[in-house]
Protein backbone atom coordinates (compact mmCIF):
# COMPACT_ATOMS: atom_id res chain seq x y z
CA MET A 1 -61.13 -38.23 19.58
CA THR A 2 -60.79 -34.53 20.51
CA GLY A 3 -57.10 -34.56 19.52
CA THR A 4 -57.94 -35.91 16.07
CA HIS A 5 -60.34 -33.00 15.30
CA GLN A 6 -57.69 -30.43 16.27
CA VAL A 7 -55.09 -31.92 13.90
CA ARG A 8 -57.52 -31.56 10.96
CA ARG A 9 -58.08 -27.83 11.65
CA ILE A 10 -54.39 -26.94 11.32
CA PRO A 11 -54.17 -27.11 7.47
CA ALA A 12 -57.10 -24.66 7.18
CA ALA A 13 -55.23 -22.17 9.40
CA LEU A 14 -52.14 -22.64 7.28
CA LEU A 15 -54.04 -21.80 4.10
CA LEU A 16 -55.57 -18.65 5.62
CA SER A 17 -52.39 -17.29 7.19
CA GLY A 18 -50.32 -17.66 3.97
CA ALA A 19 -48.08 -20.59 2.94
CA LEU A 20 -45.07 -18.34 2.26
CA VAL A 21 -44.51 -17.30 5.87
CA THR A 22 -44.95 -20.83 7.24
CA ALA A 23 -42.82 -22.36 4.51
CA ALA A 24 -40.01 -19.91 5.11
CA THR A 25 -40.02 -20.95 8.76
CA ALA A 26 -40.11 -24.60 7.76
CA CYS A 27 -37.20 -24.01 5.38
CA GLY A 28 -35.16 -22.42 8.16
CA SER A 29 -35.77 -25.27 10.55
CA ALA A 30 -34.99 -27.87 7.89
CA GLY A 31 -31.70 -26.13 7.06
CA ALA A 32 -30.77 -26.12 10.71
CA GLY A 33 -31.15 -29.87 10.75
CA SER A 34 -34.01 -30.10 13.30
CA GLY A 35 -36.69 -32.69 12.37
CA THR A 36 -39.39 -31.29 14.65
CA ASP A 37 -41.82 -29.90 11.99
CA THR A 38 -41.32 -32.54 9.29
CA GLY A 39 -44.94 -33.67 9.36
CA THR A 40 -46.40 -30.14 9.08
CA SER A 41 -44.11 -28.59 6.41
CA THR A 42 -43.90 -31.33 3.79
CA SER A 43 -46.71 -30.02 1.50
CA PRO A 44 -45.97 -26.21 1.23
CA ALA A 45 -42.17 -26.67 0.99
CA PRO A 46 -41.76 -26.75 -2.87
CA SER A 47 -43.50 -23.41 -3.56
CA THR A 48 -41.54 -21.71 -0.77
CA VAL A 49 -38.07 -22.78 -1.92
CA THR A 50 -38.51 -21.10 -5.30
CA ALA A 51 -39.76 -17.87 -3.71
CA THR A 52 -36.93 -17.74 -1.19
CA VAL A 53 -34.11 -18.44 -3.69
CA THR A 54 -35.15 -15.76 -6.18
CA GLN A 55 -34.82 -12.89 -3.69
CA PRO A 56 -31.10 -13.10 -2.69
CA ALA A 57 -30.05 -13.64 -6.32
CA ALA A 58 -30.67 -9.98 -7.32
CA PRO A 59 -27.93 -8.23 -5.22
CA THR A 60 -25.14 -10.46 -6.62
CA THR A 61 -25.41 -8.68 -10.01
CA ASN A 62 -24.54 -5.31 -8.45
CA THR A 63 -21.47 -6.74 -6.70
CA THR A 64 -19.89 -8.07 -9.90
CA SER A 65 -20.55 -4.91 -11.93
CA ALA A 66 -18.74 -2.74 -9.36
CA GLN A 67 -15.33 -4.30 -10.07
CA PRO A 68 -14.12 -3.50 -13.64
CA SER A 69 -12.46 -0.10 -13.08
CA PRO A 70 -8.62 -0.57 -12.76
CA SER A 71 -7.47 -0.07 -16.37
CA PRO A 72 -6.93 3.59 -17.38
CA SER A 73 -3.31 3.85 -16.14
CA THR A 74 -1.95 0.64 -17.69
CA ALA A 75 -0.58 2.41 -20.80
CA GLN A 76 1.19 4.95 -18.60
CA GLN A 77 2.79 2.14 -16.58
CA ASN A 78 3.77 0.04 -19.59
CA ALA A 79 5.53 2.83 -21.53
CA PRO A 80 8.62 3.08 -19.24
CA MET A 81 8.75 -0.72 -19.00
CA ILE A 82 9.08 -0.93 -22.80
CA VAL A 83 11.92 1.63 -22.78
CA VAL A 84 13.75 -0.26 -20.01
CA ALA A 85 13.27 -3.58 -21.86
CA TYR A 86 14.69 -1.93 -25.01
CA PHE A 87 17.90 -0.91 -23.23
CA ASN A 88 18.13 -4.24 -21.40
CA ALA A 89 18.14 -5.95 -24.81
CA ILE A 90 20.88 -3.60 -26.03
CA ASN A 91 22.99 -4.31 -22.92
CA ALA A 92 22.54 -8.05 -23.55
CA HIS A 93 23.67 -7.46 -27.18
CA ASP A 94 20.32 -8.86 -28.28
CA TYR A 95 19.93 -6.23 -30.98
CA ARG A 96 17.17 -8.17 -32.74
CA ALA A 97 14.99 -7.93 -29.62
CA ALA A 98 15.80 -4.21 -29.31
CA TRP A 99 14.95 -3.81 -32.99
CA ASP A 100 11.57 -5.48 -32.47
CA LEU A 101 10.88 -3.30 -29.41
CA GLY A 102 11.17 -0.17 -31.54
CA GLY A 103 14.63 0.15 -33.09
CA LYS A 104 12.96 -0.56 -36.43
CA ASN A 105 10.96 2.68 -36.06
CA LEU A 106 13.96 4.94 -35.46
CA GLY A 107 15.25 5.02 -39.05
CA GLY A 108 17.88 3.06 -40.96
CA SER A 109 18.40 -0.64 -41.52
CA TYR A 110 18.85 -3.37 -38.93
CA ALA A 111 22.56 -3.69 -39.84
CA ALA A 112 23.12 0.05 -39.23
CA PHE A 113 21.14 -0.13 -35.98
CA ALA A 114 23.25 -2.99 -34.58
CA ALA A 115 26.52 -1.43 -35.80
CA GLY A 116 25.66 1.75 -33.90
CA PHE A 117 26.40 -0.04 -30.61
CA ALA A 118 29.80 -1.42 -31.62
CA ASP A 119 31.65 0.99 -29.32
CA THR A 120 29.14 0.77 -26.44
CA VAL A 121 29.84 -1.48 -23.47
CA SER A 122 26.61 -0.73 -21.59
CA ASP A 123 23.83 1.83 -21.28
CA THR A 124 22.52 3.09 -17.96
CA VAL A 125 19.06 4.60 -18.45
CA HIS A 126 17.16 6.67 -15.88
CA ILE A 127 13.41 7.26 -16.26
CA VAL A 128 12.92 10.90 -15.35
CA ASP A 129 9.21 11.20 -16.08
CA ASN A 130 6.44 9.73 -18.21
CA THR A 131 3.10 11.12 -19.33
CA ASN A 132 0.73 8.82 -21.21
CA THR A 133 2.93 7.51 -24.06
CA THR A 134 5.95 9.83 -23.68
CA VAL A 135 8.89 8.71 -21.52
CA ARG A 136 11.60 11.23 -20.61
CA ILE A 137 15.02 9.72 -19.88
CA THR A 138 18.67 10.46 -19.20
CA LEU A 139 21.23 7.99 -20.46
CA ASP A 140 24.90 7.28 -19.74
CA ALA A 141 26.61 5.11 -22.35
CA LEU A 142 29.91 3.52 -21.30
CA GLN A 143 32.21 3.26 -24.31
CA THR A 144 34.84 0.61 -25.02
CA ASP A 145 37.62 3.18 -24.43
CA GLY A 146 36.34 3.83 -20.89
CA SER A 147 34.70 7.15 -21.69
CA VAL A 148 31.06 7.88 -20.95
CA LYS A 149 28.66 9.65 -23.29
CA SER A 150 25.58 11.21 -21.73
CA PHE A 151 22.24 11.72 -23.47
CA ALA A 152 18.81 13.12 -22.60
CA GLY A 153 15.49 13.13 -24.40
CA THR A 154 12.17 11.36 -24.87
CA TYR A 155 10.83 8.09 -26.28
CA THR A 156 7.28 7.70 -27.55
CA VAL A 157 5.64 4.32 -26.92
CA ARG A 158 2.47 3.01 -28.53
CA GLY A 159 1.09 -0.50 -28.96
CA GLY A 160 3.86 -2.11 -26.92
CA GLU A 161 6.80 -0.67 -28.89
CA ILE A 162 8.84 2.51 -29.30
CA VAL A 163 7.51 4.48 -32.26
CA GLY A 164 9.68 7.59 -32.02
CA ALA A 165 12.57 9.20 -30.15
CA SER A 166 14.08 12.62 -29.63
CA VAL A 167 17.41 12.15 -27.85
CA GLN A 168 20.46 14.44 -27.87
CA GLN A 169 23.93 14.12 -26.40
CA THR A 170 24.45 16.39 -23.41
CA ALA A 171 27.57 18.31 -22.47
CA GLN A 172 30.18 16.07 -20.90
CA PRO A 173 32.18 17.60 -18.01
CA SER A 174 35.89 17.50 -18.73
CA GLY A 175 37.67 14.71 -16.89
CA ALA A 176 34.44 12.77 -16.31
CA ALA A 177 36.00 9.61 -17.72
CA THR A 178 39.43 10.02 -16.17
CA TYR A 179 39.28 6.58 -14.57
CA LYS A 180 38.44 3.40 -16.44
CA ASN A 181 37.80 1.59 -13.18
CA CYS A 182 37.99 2.06 -9.42
CA THR A 183 41.44 0.46 -9.19
CA GLU A 184 42.82 3.40 -11.15
CA ALA A 185 40.91 5.84 -8.93
CA HIS A 186 42.11 4.16 -5.73
CA ASN A 187 45.71 4.12 -6.99
CA ASP A 188 45.31 7.85 -7.53
CA GLY A 189 44.04 8.24 -3.96
CA ARG A 190 40.44 8.92 -5.01
CA TYR A 191 37.63 7.38 -2.96
CA SER A 192 33.91 8.12 -2.73
CA ILE A 193 33.87 10.45 -5.73
CA PRO A 194 30.59 12.43 -5.58
CA ARG A 195 28.27 12.83 -8.55
CA THR A 196 29.17 16.52 -8.79
CA ASP A 197 32.87 15.71 -9.30
CA PRO A 198 34.05 15.77 -12.96
CA ALA A 199 35.78 12.41 -12.35
CA TYR A 200 32.50 10.74 -11.41
CA ALA A 201 31.12 8.29 -13.96
CA PRO A 202 28.12 5.93 -13.69
CA HIS A 203 30.22 2.84 -14.39
CA LEU A 204 32.31 3.65 -11.30
CA ASP A 205 29.24 3.83 -9.06
CA ARG A 206 28.22 0.20 -8.57
CA ASP A 207 25.43 0.72 -6.04
CA LYS A 208 24.16 3.88 -7.79
CA ASP A 209 24.14 5.91 -4.57
CA GLY A 210 25.86 8.96 -6.08
CA LEU A 211 29.33 8.06 -4.77
CA ALA A 212 31.81 6.33 -7.09
CA CYS A 213 34.69 4.09 -6.06
CA GLU A 214 33.85 3.88 -2.36
CA PRO A 215 36.43 2.12 -0.17
CA ASN A 216 34.37 -1.06 -0.01
CA GLU A 217 33.93 -1.18 -3.82
CA GLY A 218 36.44 -3.19 -5.81
CA PRO A 219 37.64 -2.62 -9.36
């Protein structure tokens, strides 16, 4: 009978020492899958679970609020992409898409805008710099007669479209469009024409490495 009296004293000790500490221990052992203390921990378990769950929940709020920061530079990144998309549409002769990307804001009617590219085979645009909504470019426009017209200036981009432009034609070195293709240059004995040579033209430089009509480049 001595063992029976000892078992009855244990709940009193539990109440005096605090159910939270004992229940936390019981919770840990139950989670680990050991069934050793099942008889002792059944009654205090419900109050402990609520107390234990509420504590780890607080730090998770701080973790989520630390993330939303990468957004200030998106406009600066998108501006040159809009300009490139504009010239890609022109090169694809999709003048309606180019019009929607900002051609409509550059003055004149759609018919005049599209007609302005009648003598242009392709445009090669180089993004020189961009600050916020202003994109500075240089542009080489290959004409149907084989000549190349060069331009430089800026495009202003807001709200996903070009809203203004200030572009002027630059001085063209004499003889820059001497060759319509690399076959003509090779027949003339010209290979690997450097960018500084008046005979250099962007349409002759296929890999855009600054050397036109290299020996391994065809017509």
